[in-house]
């Protein structure tokens, strides 16, 4: 994973992408217990403003020129399948803008904040997100875990993106 992050950081340094943050299952694993995930979801600010898939062209060209292989909807970088995802709504843009910088072994990387990650999981509402959310809620009971959100910030995010009812409904189901 560290070698994958180094390649991605080099892409930022070279201007191939403007910035990124890890989301999805890998972000959930950072804050809580590891869960099954098959790829590294990267929310990315691309260097072009195109609204279509052409915004991926510079990313794929750069990586393929380095010898990495495109597979299905991602690209295999140092043994890790990576999906490059544009910020597709206001919550994701906000999450990308407010990503947390952390160290993975000796490599700096960016991860979606716990508060934004929780809100994104509530917004998407997929079964795997509900499972991850349940796991994180359990972890949040332990004051020594990484899963300790700023509840004021979480409430603000949920309110700003009209997700408070979704959150309350999920908590009631649990």
C-alpha atoms as a PDB file:
ATOM      1  CA  UNK A   1       0.000   0.000   0.000  1.00  0.00           C
ATOM      2  CA  UNK A   2       2.803   2.410   0.830  1.00  0.00           C
ATOM      3  CA  UNK A   3       4.317   2.053  -2.651  1.00  0.00           C
ATOM      4  CA  UNK A   4       0.884   2.730  -4.171  1.00  0.00           C
ATOM      5  CA  UNK A   5       0.561   5.916  -2.113  1.00  0.00           C
ATOM      6  CA  UNK A   6       4.021   7.047  -3.211  1.00  0.00           C
ATOM      7  CA  UNK A   7       2.974   6.726  -6.874  1.00  0.00           C
ATOM      8  CA  UNK A   8      -0.206   8.700  -6.187  1.00  0.00           C
ATOM      9  CA  UNK A   9       1.710  11.404  -4.295  1.00  0.00           C
ATOM     10  CA  UNK A  10       4.095  11.679  -7.246  1.00  0.00           C
ATOM     11  CA  UNK A  11       1.068  12.225  -9.489  1.00  0.00           C
ATOM     12  CA  UNK A  12       0.126  15.230  -7.329  1.00  0.00           C
ATOM     13  CA  UNK A  13       3.706  16.557  -7.381  1.00  0.00           C
ATOM     14  CA  UNK A  14       3.808  16.259 -11.196  1.00  0.00           C
ATOM     15  CA  UNK A  15       0.399  17.895 -11.639  1.00  0.00           C
ATOM     16  CA  UNK A  16      -1.308  14.799 -13.063  1.00  0.00           C
ATOM     17  CA  UNK A  17      -3.988  15.232 -10.370  1.00  0.00           C
ATOM     18  CA  UNK A  18      -4.536  18.262  -8.136  1.00  0.00           C
ATOM     19  CA  UNK A  19      -5.366  16.408  -4.933  1.00  0.00           C
ATOM     20  CA  UNK A  20      -6.951  13.281  -3.530  1.00  0.00           C
ATOM     21  CA  UNK A  21      -8.403  11.648  -0.448  1.00  0.00           C
ATOM     22  CA  UNK A  22      -8.910   7.994   0.358  1.00  0.00           C
ATOM     23  CA  UNK A  23     -12.537   7.033   0.808  1.00  0.00           C
ATOM     24  CA  UNK A  24     -14.612   3.873   0.925  1.00  0.00           C
ATOM     25  CA  UNK A  25     -13.499   0.705   2.659  1.00  0.00           C
ATOM     26  CA  UNK A  26      -9.865   1.745   3.097  1.00  0.00           C
ATOM     27  CA  UNK A  27     -10.925   4.944   4.879  1.00  0.00           C
ATOM     28  CA  UNK A  28     -13.301   2.931   7.061  1.00  0.00           C
ATOM     29  CA  UNK A  29     -10.423   0.576   7.879  1.00  0.00           C
ATOM     30  CA  UNK A  30      -8.278   3.549   8.929  1.00  0.00           C
ATOM     31  CA  UNK A  31     -10.863   4.647  11.485  1.00  0.00           C
ATOM     32  CA  UNK A  32     -12.111   1.233  12.561  1.00  0.00           C
ATOM     33  CA  UNK A  33     -11.621  -2.434  12.041  1.00  0.00           C
ATOM     34  CA  UNK A  34     -10.512  -3.621   8.620  1.00  0.00           C
ATOM     35  CA  UNK A  35     -13.349  -4.703   6.363  1.00  0.00           C
ATOM     36  CA  UNK A  36     -13.296  -6.609   3.123  1.00  0.00           C
ATOM     37  CA  UNK A  37     -12.549  -4.285   0.229  1.00  0.00           C
ATOM     38  CA  UNK A  38     -11.096  -5.009  -3.168  1.00  0.00           C
ATOM     39  CA  UNK A  39      -9.787  -1.598  -4.107  1.00  0.00           C
ATOM     40  CA  UNK A  40      -8.541   1.770  -3.006  1.00  0.00           C
ATOM     41  CA  UNK A  41     -11.211   4.387  -3.705  1.00  0.00           C
ATOM     42  CA  UNK A  42      -9.586   7.752  -4.368  1.00  0.00           C
ATOM     43  CA  UNK A  43     -11.695  10.853  -4.623  1.00  0.00           C
ATOM     44  CA  UNK A  44      -9.625  13.052  -6.907  1.00  0.00           C
ATOM     45  CA  UNK A  45      -9.484  16.601  -8.145  1.00  0.00           C
ATOM     46  CA  UNK A  46      -8.387  16.206 -11.742  1.00  0.00           C
ATOM     47  CA  UNK A  47      -6.399  18.777 -13.699  1.00  0.00           C
ATOM     48  CA  UNK A  48      -9.168  19.231 -16.245  1.00  0.00           C
ATOM     49  CA  UNK A  49     -12.699  20.479 -15.693  1.00  0.00           C
ATOM     50  CA  UNK A  50     -14.258  18.108 -18.239  1.00  0.00           C
ATOM     51  CA  UNK A  51     -17.484  16.529 -17.029  1.00  0.00           C
ATOM     52  CA  UNK A  52     -16.957  13.281 -18.887  1.00  0.00           C
ATOM     53  CA  UNK A  53     -14.555  10.385 -18.693  1.00  0.00           C
ATOM     54  CA  UNK A  54     -11.881  12.283 -20.619  1.00  0.00           C
ATOM     55  CA  UNK A  55     -10.782  13.687 -17.288  1.00  0.00           C
ATOM     56  CA  UNK A  56      -9.290  10.242 -16.585  1.00  0.00           C
ATOM     57  CA  UNK A  57      -7.160  10.259 -19.752  1.00  0.00           C
ATOM     58  CA  UNK A  58      -4.097  12.004 -18.261  1.00  0.00           C
ATOM     59  CA  UNK A  59      -4.220   9.747 -15.201  1.00  0.00           C
ATOM     60  CA  UNK A  60      -4.428   6.527 -17.195  1.00  0.00           C
ATOM     61  CA  UNK A  61      -1.861   7.684 -19.768  1.00  0.00           C
ATOM     62  CA  UNK A  62       0.649   8.572 -17.065  1.00  0.00           C
ATOM     63  CA  UNK A  63       0.176   5.292 -15.195  1.00  0.00           C
ATOM     64  CA  UNK A  64       0.110   3.060 -18.284  1.00  0.00           C
ATOM     65  CA  UNK A  65       3.284   4.780 -19.547  1.00  0.00           C
ATOM     66  CA  UNK A  66       4.879   3.736 -16.230  1.00  0.00           C
ATOM     67  CA  UNK A  67       3.847   0.138 -16.910  1.00  0.00           C
ATOM     68  CA  UNK A  68       0.754  -0.144 -14.729  1.00  0.00           C
ATOM     69  CA  UNK A  69      -2.243  -2.032 -16.075  1.00  0.00           C
ATOM     70  CA  UNK A  70      -5.834  -0.844 -16.411  1.00  0.00           C
ATOM     71  CA  UNK A  71      -8.191  -3.519 -15.080  1.00  0.00           C
ATOM     72  CA  UNK A  72     -11.974  -3.191 -15.206  1.00  0.00           C
ATOM     73  CA  UNK A  73     -12.887   0.154 -13.612  1.00  0.00           C
ATOM     74  CA  UNK A  74      -9.501   0.785 -12.049  1.00  0.00           C
ATOM     75  CA  UNK A  75      -5.783   0.554 -12.499  1.00  0.00           C
ATOM     76  CA  UNK A  76      -3.432  -1.803 -10.675  1.00  0.00           C
ATOM     77  CA  UNK A  77      -0.702   0.217  -8.939  1.00  0.00           C
ATOM     78  CA  UNK A  78       1.944  -1.731  -7.029  1.00  0.00           C
ATOM     79  CA  UNK A  79      -0.465  -4.604  -6.453  1.00  0.00           C
ATOM     80  CA  UNK A  80      -3.402  -2.452  -5.294  1.00  0.00           C
ATOM     81  CA  UNK A  81      -6.467  -1.849  -7.483  1.00  0.00           C
ATOM     82  CA  UNK A  82      -7.114   1.909  -7.479  1.00  0.00           C
ATOM     83  CA  UNK A  83     -10.307   3.621  -8.612  1.00  0.00           C
ATOM     84  CA  UNK A  84     -10.032   7.329  -9.400  1.00  0.00           C
ATOM     85  CA  UNK A  85     -13.368   8.963  -8.628  1.00  0.00           C
ATOM     86  CA  UNK A  86     -14.381  12.564  -9.306  1.00  0.00           C
ATOM     87  CA  UNK A  87     -16.180  14.400  -6.521  1.00  0.00           C
ATOM     88  CA  UNK A  88     -19.681  13.727  -7.853  1.00  0.00           C
ATOM     89  CA  UNK A  89     -21.749  15.765  -5.393  1.00  0.00           C
ATOM     90  CA  UNK A  90     -21.472  18.586  -2.849  1.00  0.00           C
ATOM     91  CA  UNK A  91     -20.814  16.249   0.091  1.00  0.00           C
ATOM     92  CA  UNK A  92     -17.934  14.517  -1.702  1.00  0.00           C
ATOM     93  CA  UNK A  93     -16.433  17.887  -2.737  1.00  0.00           C
ATOM     94  CA  UNK A  94     -16.638  19.081   0.848  1.00  0.00           C
ATOM     95  CA  UNK A  95     -15.104  15.822   2.069  1.00  0.00           C
ATOM     96  CA  UNK A  96     -12.246  16.144  -0.397  1.00  0.00           C
ATOM     97  CA  UNK A  97     -11.654  19.768   0.621  1.00  0.00           C
ATOM     98  CA  UNK A  98     -11.554  18.778   4.296  1.00  0.00           C
ATOM     99  CA  UNK A  99      -9.522  15.578   4.051  1.00  0.00           C
ATOM    100  CA  UNK A 100      -7.233  14.690   6.938  1.00  0.00           C
ATOM    101  CA  UNK A 101      -3.511  14.293   6.304  1.00  0.00           C
ATOM    102  CA  UNK A 102      -2.127  11.170   7.983  1.00  0.00           C
ATOM    103  CA  UNK A 103       0.990   9.051   7.841  1.00  0.00           C
ATOM    104  CA  UNK A 104       0.840   5.522   6.460  1.00  0.00           C
ATOM    105  CA  UNK A 105       4.088   3.987   7.641  1.00  0.00           C
ATOM    106  CA  UNK A 106       6.482   6.666   6.379  1.00  0.00           C
ATOM    107  CA  UNK A 107       4.274   8.093   3.632  1.00  0.00           C
ATOM    108  CA  UNK A 108       1.943  11.057   3.936  1.00  0.00           C
ATOM    109  CA  UNK A 109      -1.551  10.549   2.557  1.00  0.00           C
ATOM    110  CA  UNK A 110      -5.010  12.070   2.745  1.00  0.00           C
ATOM    111  CA  UNK A 111      -8.107  10.358   4.135  1.00  0.00           C
ATOM    112  CA  UNK A 112     -11.705  11.533   4.159  1.00  0.00           C
ATOM    113  CA  UNK A 113     -12.474  12.797   7.686  1.00  0.00           C
ATOM    114  CA  UNK A 114     -14.428  10.439   9.900  1.00  0.00           C
ATOM    115  CA  UNK A 115     -17.342  12.872  10.056  1.00  0.00           C
ATOM    116  CA  UNK A 116     -17.554  13.111   6.267  1.00  0.00           C
ATOM    117  CA  UNK A 117     -17.060   9.363   5.864  1.00  0.00           C
ATOM    118  CA  UNK A 118     -20.006   8.683   8.177  1.00  0.00           C
ATOM    119  CA  UNK A 119     -22.171  11.154   6.247  1.00  0.00           C
ATOM    120  CA  UNK A 120     -21.166   9.637   2.898  1.00  0.00           C
ATOM    121  CA  UNK A 121     -22.060   6.146   4.121  1.00  0.00           C
ATOM    122  CA  UNK A 122     -25.458   7.419   5.273  1.00  0.00           C
ATOM    123  CA  UNK A 123     -25.974   9.193   1.943  1.00  0.00           C
ATOM    124  CA  UNK A 124     -25.113   6.203  -0.221  1.00  0.00           C
ATOM    125  CA  UNK A 125     -27.012   3.760   1.980  1.00  0.00           C
ATOM    126  CA  UNK A 126     -25.632   0.668   0.230  1.00  0.00           C
ATOM    127  CA  UNK A 127     -25.657  -2.551   2.278  1.00  0.00           C
ATOM    128  CA  UNK A 128     -21.852  -2.550   2.526  1.00  0.00           C
ATOM    129  CA  UNK A 129     -21.894   1.060   3.730  1.00  0.00           C
ATOM    130  CA  UNK A 130     -24.499   0.206   6.369  1.00  0.00           C
ATOM    131  CA  UNK A 131     -22.289  -2.650   7.551  1.00  0.00           C
ATOM    132  CA  UNK A 132     -19.230  -0.402   7.713  1.00  0.00           C
ATOM    133  CA  UNK A 133     -21.272   2.260   9.480  1.00  0.00           C
ATOM    134  CA  UNK A 134     -22.433  -0.302  12.058  1.00  0.00           C
ATOM    135  CA  UNK A 135     -18.837  -1.370  12.637  1.00  0.00           C
ATOM    136  CA  UNK A 136     -17.694   2.222  13.059  1.00  0.00           C
ATOM    137  CA  UNK A 137     -20.544   2.951  15.485  1.00  0.00           C
ATOM    138  CA  UNK A 138     -19.330   0.038  17.610  1.00  0.00           C
ATOM    139  CA  UNK A 139     -15.779   1.385  17.465  1.00  0.00           C
ATOM    140  CA  UNK A 140     -17.031   4.837  18.456  1.00  0.00           C
ATOM    141  CA  UNK A 141     -17.982   3.390  21.853  1.00  0.00           C
ATOM    142  CA  UNK A 142     -14.280   2.878  22.598  1.00  0.00           C
ATOM    143  CA  UNK A 143     -12.645   6.213  23.528  1.00  0.00           C
ATOM    144  CA  UNK A 144      -9.210   4.820  22.589  1.00  0.00           C
ATOM    145  CA  UNK A 145     -10.145   4.004  18.976  1.00  0.00           C
ATOM    146  CA  UNK A 146      -9.557   6.199  15.923  1.00  0.00           C
ATOM    147  CA  UNK A 147     -13.339   6.257  15.477  1.00  0.00           C
ATOM    148  CA  UNK A 148     -14.064   9.292  17.626  1.00  0.00           C
ATOM    149  CA  UNK A 149     -15.884  11.892  15.572  1.00  0.00           C
ATOM    150  CA  UNK A 150     -16.482  15.494  16.462  1.00  0.00           C
ATOM    151  CA  UNK A 151     -20.231  15.196  16.981  1.00  0.00           C
ATOM    152  CA  UNK A 152     -20.797  18.921  16.478  1.00  0.00           C
ATOM    153  CA  UNK A 153     -19.063  18.705  13.107  1.00  0.00           C
ATOM    154  CA  UNK A 154     -20.954  15.541  12.192  1.00  0.00           C
ATOM    155  CA  UNK A 155     -24.284  17.187  13.059  1.00  0.00           C
ATOM    156  CA  UNK A 156     -23.358  20.206  10.939  1.00  0.00           C
ATOM    157  CA  UNK A 157     -22.414  18.047   7.950  1.00  0.00           C
ATOM    158  CA  UNK A 158     -25.583  15.963   8.261  1.00  0.00           C
ATOM    159  CA  UNK A 159     -27.714  19.111   8.489  1.00  0.00           C
ATOM    160  CA  UNK A 160     -25.922  20.894   5.621  1.00  0.00           C
ATOM    161  CA  UNK A 161     -26.532  17.926   3.316  1.00  0.00           C
ATOM    162  CA  UNK A 162     -30.046  17.113   4.501  1.00  0.00           C
ATOM    163  CA  UNK A 163     -28.981  13.758   5.954  1.00  0.00           C
ATOM    164  CA  UNK A 164     -30.048  14.138   9.580  1.00  0.00           C
ATOM    165  CA  UNK A 165     -33.217  12.053   9.099  1.00  0.00           C
ATOM    166  CA  UNK A 166     -31.230   9.336   7.282  1.00  0.00           C
ATOM    167  CA  UNK A 167     -28.783   9.249  10.197  1.00  0.00           C
ATOM    168  CA  UNK A 168     -31.567   9.116  12.790  1.00  0.00           C
ATOM    169  CA  UNK A 169     -33.335   6.352  10.834  1.00  0.00           C
ATOM    170  CA  UNK A 170     -30.131   4.316  10.679  1.00  0.00           C
ATOM    171  CA  UNK A 171     -29.486   4.735  14.404  1.00  0.00           C
ATOM    172  CA  UNK A 172     -33.042   3.630  15.184  1.00  0.00           C
ATOM    173  CA  UNK A 173     -32.670   0.521  12.958  1.00  0.00           C
ATOM    174  CA  UNK A 174     -29.451  -0.482  14.679  1.00  0.00           C
END
